[in-house]
Amino acid sequence: MNQTSQTVAKILLELNAVTLNSKKPFRYVSGILSPVYTDCRVLMAYPDKRRLIRDLYIETIKKSSVSFDVVAGTATAGIPHAAWIADRLSLPMVYVRGKAKDHGKENMVEGIIKKGQKAIVIEDLISTGESAINSVNAVRAAGGKTSYVFAIITYGLKKAEQNFSQNGLKLITLTTFEEVVEQAQKMNYISKEEVQLILDWTKDPISWGKQMGFE
């Protein structure tokens, strides 16, 4: 993995933005059990770290050579990162609601995106990719063009890969779940024996809890 991926993985672990626990897994809203819990919102509390993440986002975006006019943030966790990126690049920003307003203009996209403008979508975490894809569809429905999603981390689930492929999207992330787990072992957050147990979750998230004997 590259230096950016390692740096971001270490930051996420140090700030407890990613917590790993194969012995007492977390139960998600969906009901599944997982050895990982991610909350990138904690980055907002650390100005130096969030600025570094912003700069690494921008560096990664520039390396992709994508051309764009607008930065779009997904609600809610992608919004602050999109704002910091747009501000640094002196570009317009919009954000996409989780669902359309039920009053007024019933907007799904807040801000201004003109027909034909190119946008990149900023997300924090990619699990199945559905929230990012909903944002992409909203931007497209508003007249914008977008085919790139940038995020801090992806779990690397097959479902996400399929979702992005089916929607003609390219996903680029600063780090990966695999990198985070590797760094966690190096930093003695988890044991060497736990590494594969945790990574196995990505292969079959729904059945992992049962296979591990928790259910």
C-alpha atoms as a PDB file:
ATOM      1  CA  MET A   1       0.000   0.000   0.000  1.00  0.00           C
ATOM      2  CA  ASN A   2       1.098   3.580  -0.545  1.00  0.00           C
ATOM      3  CA  GLN A   3       2.097   6.146   2.049  1.00  0.00           C
ATOM      4  CA  THR A   4      -1.276   7.912   1.958  1.00  0.00           C
ATOM      5  CA  SER A   5      -3.101   4.694   2.741  1.00  0.00           C
ATOM      6  CA  GLN A   6      -0.820   3.926   5.700  1.00  0.00           C
ATOM      7  CA  THR A   7      -1.011   7.474   7.057  1.00  0.00           C
ATOM      8  CA  VAL A   8      -4.805   7.601   6.915  1.00  0.00           C
ATOM      9  CA  ALA A   9      -5.147   4.136   8.445  1.00  0.00           C
ATOM     10  CA  LYS A  10      -2.987   5.185  11.403  1.00  0.00           C
ATOM     11  CA  ILE A  11      -4.991   8.386  11.917  1.00  0.00           C
ATOM     12  CA  LEU A  12      -8.293   6.504  11.911  1.00  0.00           C
ATOM     13  CA  LEU A  13      -6.975   4.063  14.510  1.00  0.00           C
ATOM     14  CA  GLU A  14      -5.294   6.668  16.723  1.00  0.00           C
ATOM     15  CA  LEU A  15      -8.457   8.776  16.905  1.00  0.00           C
ATOM     16  CA  ASN A  16     -10.746   5.761  17.354  1.00  0.00           C
ATOM     17  CA  ALA A  17     -12.515   6.653  14.120  1.00  0.00           C
ATOM     18  CA  VAL A  18     -12.170   2.921  13.435  1.00  0.00           C
ATOM     19  CA  THR A  19     -12.572   0.464  16.301  1.00  0.00           C
ATOM     20  CA  LEU A  20     -11.827  -3.249  15.878  1.00  0.00           C
ATOM     21  CA  ASN A  21     -13.067  -5.985  18.188  1.00  0.00           C
ATOM     22  CA  SER A  22     -13.379  -9.624  17.119  1.00  0.00           C
ATOM     23  CA  LYS A  23     -14.259 -10.809  20.639  1.00  0.00           C
ATOM     24  CA  LYS A  24     -17.152  -8.443  21.300  1.00  0.00           C
ATOM     25  CA  PRO A  25     -18.489  -7.456  17.870  1.00  0.00           C
ATOM     26  CA  PHE A  26     -20.747  -4.512  17.129  1.00  0.00           C
ATOM     27  CA  ARG A  27     -24.362  -4.936  16.064  1.00  0.00           C
ATOM     28  CA  TYR A  28     -25.377  -2.696  13.184  1.00  0.00           C
ATOM     29  CA  VAL A  29     -28.833  -1.216  12.611  1.00  0.00           C
ATOM     30  CA  SER A  30     -29.326  -3.879   9.945  1.00  0.00           C
ATOM     31  CA  GLY A  31     -28.927  -6.510  12.654  1.00  0.00           C
ATOM     32  CA  ILE A  32     -25.649  -8.013  11.445  1.00  0.00           C
ATOM     33  CA  LEU A  33     -22.649  -8.404  13.742  1.00  0.00           C
ATOM     34  CA  SER A  34     -19.333  -6.875  12.762  1.00  0.00           C
ATOM     35  CA  PRO A  35     -15.815  -6.705  14.220  1.00  0.00           C
ATOM     36  CA  VAL A  36     -15.497  -3.104  13.027  1.00  0.00           C
ATOM     37  CA  TYR A  37     -17.207   0.137  13.885  1.00  0.00           C
ATOM     38  CA  THR A  38     -16.316   3.252  11.908  1.00  0.00           C
ATOM     39  CA  ASP A  39     -17.167   6.846  12.770  1.00  0.00           C
ATOM     40  CA  CYS A  40     -15.155   9.311  10.709  1.00  0.00           C
ATOM     41  CA  ARG A  41     -17.137  12.185  12.248  1.00  0.00           C
ATOM     42  CA  VAL A  42     -14.626  12.255  15.110  1.00  0.00           C
ATOM     43  CA  LEU A  43     -12.158  13.822  12.662  1.00  0.00           C
ATOM     44  CA  MET A  44     -14.078  17.090  13.002  1.00  0.00           C
ATOM     45  CA  ALA A  45     -12.717  17.436  16.556  1.00  0.00           C
ATOM     46  CA  TYR A  46      -9.075  17.431  15.441  1.00  0.00           C
ATOM     47  CA  PRO A  47      -8.171  20.449  13.225  1.00  0.00           C
ATOM     48  CA  ASP A  48      -4.661  19.253  12.340  1.00  0.00           C
ATOM     49  CA  LYS A  49      -5.808  15.758  11.384  1.00  0.00           C
ATOM     50  CA  ARG A  50      -8.857  16.905   9.437  1.00  0.00           C
ATOM     51  CA  ARG A  51      -6.685  19.352   7.474  1.00  0.00           C
ATOM     52  CA  LEU A  52      -4.283  16.523   6.667  1.00  0.00           C
ATOM     53  CA  ILE A  53      -7.180  14.323   5.532  1.00  0.00           C
ATOM     54  CA  ARG A  54      -8.477  17.223   3.408  1.00  0.00           C
ATOM     55  CA  ASP A  55      -5.075  17.672   1.766  1.00  0.00           C
ATOM     56  CA  LEU A  56      -4.773  13.940   1.091  1.00  0.00           C
ATOM     57  CA  TYR A  57      -8.257  13.965  -0.447  1.00  0.00           C
ATOM     58  CA  ILE A  58      -7.170  16.802  -2.736  1.00  0.00           C
ATOM     59  CA  GLU A  59      -3.877  15.127  -3.614  1.00  0.00           C
ATOM     60  CA  THR A  60      -5.725  11.907  -4.447  1.00  0.00           C
ATOM     61  CA  ILE A  61      -8.342  13.773  -6.493  1.00  0.00           C
ATOM     62  CA  LYS A  62      -5.630  15.535  -8.501  1.00  0.00           C
ATOM     63  CA  LYS A  63      -3.823  12.245  -9.147  1.00  0.00           C
ATOM     64  CA  SER A  64      -7.021  10.824 -10.627  1.00  0.00           C
ATOM     65  CA  SER A  65      -6.953  13.580 -13.289  1.00  0.00           C
ATOM     66  CA  VAL A  66     -10.747  13.913 -13.102  1.00  0.00           C
ATOM     67  CA  SER A  67     -12.082  17.287 -14.220  1.00  0.00           C
ATOM     68  CA  PHE A  68     -14.934  18.779 -12.201  1.00  0.00           C
ATOM     69  CA  ASP A  69     -16.729  22.041 -11.464  1.00  0.00           C
ATOM     70  CA  VAL A  70     -18.545  21.224  -8.224  1.00  0.00           C
ATOM     71  CA  VAL A  71     -17.812  19.283  -5.044  1.00  0.00           C
ATOM     72  CA  ALA A  72     -20.814  17.293  -3.768  1.00  0.00           C
ATOM     73  CA  GLY A  73     -20.991  15.955  -0.222  1.00  0.00           C
ATOM     74  CA  THR A  74     -23.165  13.083   0.954  1.00  0.00           C
ATOM     75  CA  ALA A  75     -25.369  13.651   3.995  1.00  0.00           C
ATOM     76  CA  THR A  76     -24.291  13.749   6.627  1.00  0.00           C
ATOM     77  CA  ALA A  77     -20.742  12.560   7.120  1.00  0.00           C
ATOM     78  CA  GLY A  78     -19.463  13.612   3.705  1.00  0.00           C
ATOM     79  CA  ILE A  79     -20.624  17.216   4.090  1.00  0.00           C
ATOM     80  CA  PRO A  80     -17.783  18.628   6.235  1.00  0.00           C
ATOM     81  CA  HIS A  81     -15.089  17.024   4.072  1.00  0.00           C
ATOM     82  CA  ALA A  82     -16.741  18.307   0.891  1.00  0.00           C
ATOM     83  CA  ALA A  83     -16.908  21.780   2.436  1.00  0.00           C
ATOM     84  CA  TRP A  84     -13.230  21.800   3.403  1.00  0.00           C
ATOM     85  CA  ILE A  85     -12.188  20.480  -0.018  1.00  0.00           C
ATOM     86  CA  ALA A  86     -14.371  22.959  -1.925  1.00  0.00           C
ATOM     87  CA  ASP A  87     -13.107  25.830   0.214  1.00  0.00           C
ATOM     88  CA  ARG A  88      -9.472  24.889  -0.344  1.00  0.00           C
ATOM     89  CA  LEU A  89     -10.025  24.585  -4.100  1.00  0.00           C
ATOM     90  CA  SER A  90     -12.250  27.695  -4.278  1.00  0.00           C
ATOM     91  CA  LEU A  91     -14.996  25.690  -5.973  1.00  0.00           C
ATOM     92  CA  PRO A  92     -18.791  25.604  -5.566  1.00  0.00           C
ATOM     93  CA  MET A  93     -20.202  22.958  -3.245  1.00  0.00           C
ATOM     94  CA  VAL A  94     -23.531  21.173  -2.938  1.00  0.00           C
ATOM     95  CA  TYR A  95     -24.699  18.510  -0.575  1.00  0.00           C
ATOM     96  CA  VAL A  96     -27.179  15.728  -1.097  1.00  0.00           C
ATOM     97  CA  ARG A  97     -29.867  14.958   1.447  1.00  0.00           C
ATOM     98  CA  GLY A  98     -30.588  11.429   2.596  1.00  0.00           C
ATOM     99  CA  LYS A  99     -34.093  12.014   1.241  1.00  0.00           C
ATOM    100  CA  ALA A 100     -35.859  14.915  -0.440  1.00  0.00           C
ATOM    101  CA  LYS A 101     -37.419  17.621   1.716  1.00  0.00           C
ATOM    102  CA  ASP A 102     -41.152  17.138   2.209  1.00  0.00           C
ATOM    103  CA  HIS A 103     -41.849  20.875   1.923  1.00  0.00           C
ATOM    104  CA  GLY A 104     -40.850  23.940  -0.093  1.00  0.00           C
ATOM    105  CA  LYS A 105     -39.027  23.008  -3.292  1.00  0.00           C
ATOM    106  CA  GLU A 106     -38.597  19.424  -2.060  1.00  0.00           C
ATOM    107  CA  ASN A 107     -34.894  19.614  -2.818  1.00  0.00           C
ATOM    108  CA  MET A 108     -32.675  16.562  -2.734  1.00  0.00           C
ATOM    109  CA  VAL A 109     -29.580  18.526  -3.721  1.00  0.00           C
ATOM    110  CA  GLU A 110     -28.907  21.669  -1.687  1.00  0.00           C
ATOM    111  CA  GLY A 111     -26.884  24.428  -3.302  1.00  0.00           C
ATOM    112  CA  ILE A 112     -26.560  25.142  -7.008  1.00  0.00           C
ATOM    113  CA  ILE A 113     -25.496  22.721  -9.688  1.00  0.00           C
ATOM    114  CA  LYS A 114     -26.117  23.791 -13.264  1.00  0.00           C
ATOM    115  CA  LYS A 115     -27.102  21.469 -16.060  1.00  0.00           C
ATOM    116  CA  GLY A 116     -24.033  19.840 -17.559  1.00  0.00           C
ATOM    117  CA  GLN A 117     -21.671  20.734 -14.713  1.00  0.00           C
ATOM    118  CA  LYS A 118     -19.287  17.989 -13.654  1.00  0.00           C
ATOM    119  CA  ALA A 119     -19.213  16.982  -9.998  1.00  0.00           C
ATOM    120  CA  ILE A 120     -17.243  14.667  -7.762  1.00  0.00           C
ATOM    121  CA  VAL A 121     -19.006  13.052  -4.824  1.00  0.00           C
ATOM    122  CA  ILE A 122     -17.327  13.039  -1.412  1.00  0.00           C
ATOM    123  CA  GLU A 123     -18.201  10.296   1.072  1.00  0.00           C
ATOM    124  CA  ASP A 124     -16.442   9.236   4.274  1.00  0.00           C
ATOM    125  CA  LEU A 125     -17.083   5.487   4.481  1.00  0.00           C
ATOM    126  CA  ILE A 126     -18.065   2.999   1.792  1.00  0.00           C
ATOM    127  CA  SER A 127     -19.919  -0.043   3.077  1.00  0.00           C
ATOM    128  CA  THR A 128     -22.368  -1.259   0.426  1.00  0.00           C
ATOM    129  CA  GLY A 129     -21.982   2.036  -1.435  1.00  0.00           C
ATOM    130  CA  GLU A 130     -25.717   2.684  -1.504  1.00  0.00           C
ATOM    131  CA  SER A 131     -25.662   6.131   0.114  1.00  0.00           C
ATOM    132  CA  ALA A 132     -22.943   7.335  -2.261  1.00  0.00           C
ATOM    133  CA  ILE A 133     -24.864   5.986  -5.242  1.00  0.00           C
ATOM    134  CA  ASN A 134     -28.060   7.678  -4.049  1.00  0.00           C
ATOM    135  CA  SER A 135     -26.102  10.929  -3.975  1.00  0.00           C
ATOM    136  CA  VAL A 136     -24.735  10.327  -7.452  1.00  0.00           C
ATOM    137  CA  ASN A 137     -28.246   9.661  -8.774  1.00  0.00           C
ATOM    138  CA  ALA A 138     -29.514  12.859  -7.138  1.00  0.00           C
ATOM    139  CA  VAL A 139     -26.721  14.916  -8.706  1.00  0.00           C
ATOM    140  CA  ARG A 140     -27.458  13.371 -12.091  1.00  0.00           C
ATOM    141  CA  ALA A 141     -31.191  14.019 -11.674  1.00  0.00           C
ATOM    142  CA  ALA A 142     -30.404  17.669 -10.926  1.00  0.00           C
ATOM    143  CA  GLY A 143     -28.585  17.963 -14.259  1.00  0.00           C
ATOM    144  CA  GLY A 144     -25.040  17.358 -13.085  1.00  0.00           C
ATOM    145  CA  LYS A 145     -22.596  14.823 -14.487  1.00  0.00           C
ATOM    146  CA  THR A 146     -20.635  12.603 -12.149  1.00  0.00           C
ATOM    147  CA  SER A 147     -18.751   9.338 -12.393  1.00  0.00           C
ATOM    148  CA  TYR A 148     -16.266   9.577  -9.500  1.00  0.00           C
ATOM    149  CA  VAL A 149     -16.763   8.975  -5.780  1.00  0.00           C
ATOM    150  CA  PHE A 150     -13.959   9.715  -3.317  1.00  0.00           C
ATOM    151  CA  ALA A 151     -14.032   8.390   0.235  1.00  0.00           C
ATOM    152  CA  ILE A 152     -11.759   8.046   3.240  1.00  0.00           C
ATOM    153  CA  ILE A 153     -12.147   4.286   3.617  1.00  0.00           C
ATOM    154  CA  THR A 154     -13.910   1.316   2.048  1.00  0.00           C
ATOM    155  CA  TYR A 155     -14.677  -2.027   3.642  1.00  0.00           C
ATOM    156  CA  GLY A 156     -14.054  -3.634   0.261  1.00  0.00           C
ATOM    157  CA  LEU A 157     -17.349  -5.523   0.183  1.00  0.00           C
ATOM    158  CA  LYS A 158     -18.359  -7.297  -3.038  1.00  0.00           C
ATOM    159  CA  LYS A 159     -21.774  -5.628  -2.833  1.00  0.00           C
ATOM    160  CA  ALA A 160     -20.145  -2.203  -3.109  1.00  0.00           C
ATOM    161  CA  GLU A 161     -18.018  -3.296  -6.042  1.00  0.00           C
ATOM    162  CA  GLN A 162     -21.130  -4.537  -7.841  1.00  0.00           C
ATOM    163  CA  ASN A 163     -23.107  -1.380  -7.034  1.00  0.00           C
ATOM    164  CA  PHE A 164     -20.419   0.948  -8.359  1.00  0.00           C
ATOM    165  CA  SER A 165     -19.902  -1.129 -11.495  1.00  0.00           C
ATOM    166  CA  GLN A 166     -23.636  -1.252 -12.268  1.00  0.00           C
ATOM    167  CA  ASN A 167     -23.883   2.529 -11.951  1.00  0.00           C
ATOM    168  CA  GLY A 168     -20.846   3.339 -14.075  1.00  0.00           C
ATOM    169  CA  LEU A 169     -18.886   4.766 -11.168  1.00  0.00           C
ATOM    170  CA  LYS A 170     -15.233   4.781 -10.183  1.00  0.00           C
ATOM    171  CA  LEU A 171     -14.500   4.617  -6.458  1.00  0.00           C
ATOM    172  CA  ILE A 172     -11.224   5.995  -5.126  1.00  0.00           C
ATOM    173  CA  THR A 173     -10.449   5.855  -1.406  1.00  0.00           C
ATOM    174  CA  LEU A 174      -7.641   7.176   0.762  1.00  0.00           C
ATOM    175  CA  THR A 175      -7.254   3.866   2.561  1.00  0.00           C
ATOM    176  CA  THR A 176      -8.817   0.423   2.826  1.00  0.00           C
ATOM    177  CA  PHE A 177     -10.134  -1.811   5.573  1.00  0.00           C
ATOM    178  CA  GLU A 178      -7.338  -4.277   4.837  1.00  0.00           C
ATOM    179  CA  GLU A 179      -4.754  -1.529   5.394  1.00  0.00           C
ATOM    180  CA  VAL A 180      -6.399  -0.475   8.658  1.00  0.00           C
ATOM    181  CA  VAL A 181      -6.377  -4.045   9.970  1.00  0.00           C
ATOM    182  CA  GLU A 182      -2.726  -4.445   8.980  1.00  0.00           C
ATOM    183  CA  GLN A 183      -1.759  -1.219  10.737  1.00  0.00           C
ATOM    184  CA  ALA A 184      -3.834  -2.157  13.790  1.00  0.00           C
ATOM    185  CA  GLN A 185      -1.793  -5.328  14.183  1.00  0.00           C
ATOM    186  CA  LYS A 186       1.487  -3.418  13.772  1.00  0.00           C
ATOM    187  CA  MET A 187       0.324  -0.904  16.391  1.00  0.00           C
ATOM    188  CA  ASN A 188      -0.644  -3.756  18.756  1.00  0.00           C
ATOM    189  CA  TYR A 189      -4.325  -2.802  18.728  1.00  0.00           C
ATOM    190  CA  ILE A 190      -5.156  -6.376  17.747  1.00  0.00           C
ATOM    191  CA  SER A 191      -3.255  -9.661  17.835  1.00  0.00           C
ATOM    192  CA  LYS A 192      -1.820 -11.405  14.797  1.00  0.00           C
ATOM    193  CA  GLU A 193      -4.403 -14.169  15.296  1.00  0.00           C
ATOM    194  CA  GLU A 194      -7.276 -11.681  15.058  1.00  0.00           C
ATOM    195  CA  VAL A 195      -6.259 -10.294  11.673  1.00  0.00           C
ATOM    196  CA  GLN A 196      -7.792 -13.031   9.520  1.00  0.00           C
ATOM    197  CA  LEU A 197     -10.856 -13.371  11.768  1.00  0.00           C
ATOM    198  CA  ILE A 198     -11.592  -9.678  11.211  1.00  0.00           C
ATOM    199  CA  LEU A 199     -10.844  -9.741   7.481  1.00  0.00           C
ATOM    200  CA  ASP A 200     -13.143 -12.765   7.060  1.00  0.00           C
ATOM    201  CA  TRP A 201     -16.066 -10.474   7.879  1.00  0.00           C
ATOM    202  CA  THR A 202     -15.693  -8.704   4.529  1.00  0.00           C
ATOM    203  CA  LYS A 203     -16.150 -11.987   2.657  1.00  0.00           C
ATOM    204  CA  ASP A 204     -19.548 -12.732   4.210  1.00  0.00           C
ATOM    205  CA  PRO A 205     -20.793  -9.906   6.483  1.00  0.00           C
ATOM    206  CA  ILE A 206     -24.252 -11.411   6.984  1.00  0.00           C
ATOM    207  CA  SER A 207     -23.100 -14.843   8.151  1.00  0.00           C
ATOM    208  CA  TRP A 208     -19.881 -13.823   9.961  1.00  0.00           C
ATOM    209  CA  GLY A 209     -21.495 -13.538  13.407  1.00  0.00           C
ATOM    210  CA  LYS A 210     -22.994 -17.003  13.176  1.00  0.00           C
ATOM    211  CA  GLN A 211     -19.816 -18.539  11.799  1.00  0.00           C
ATOM    212  CA  MET A 212     -17.882 -17.032  14.705  1.00  0.00           C
ATOM    213  CA  GLY A 213     -20.331 -18.503  17.228  1.00  0.00           C
ATOM    214  CA  PHE A 214     -21.917 -15.241  18.385  1.00  0.00           C
ATOM    215  CA  GLU A 215     -25.386 -16.187  17.163  1.00  0.00           C
END
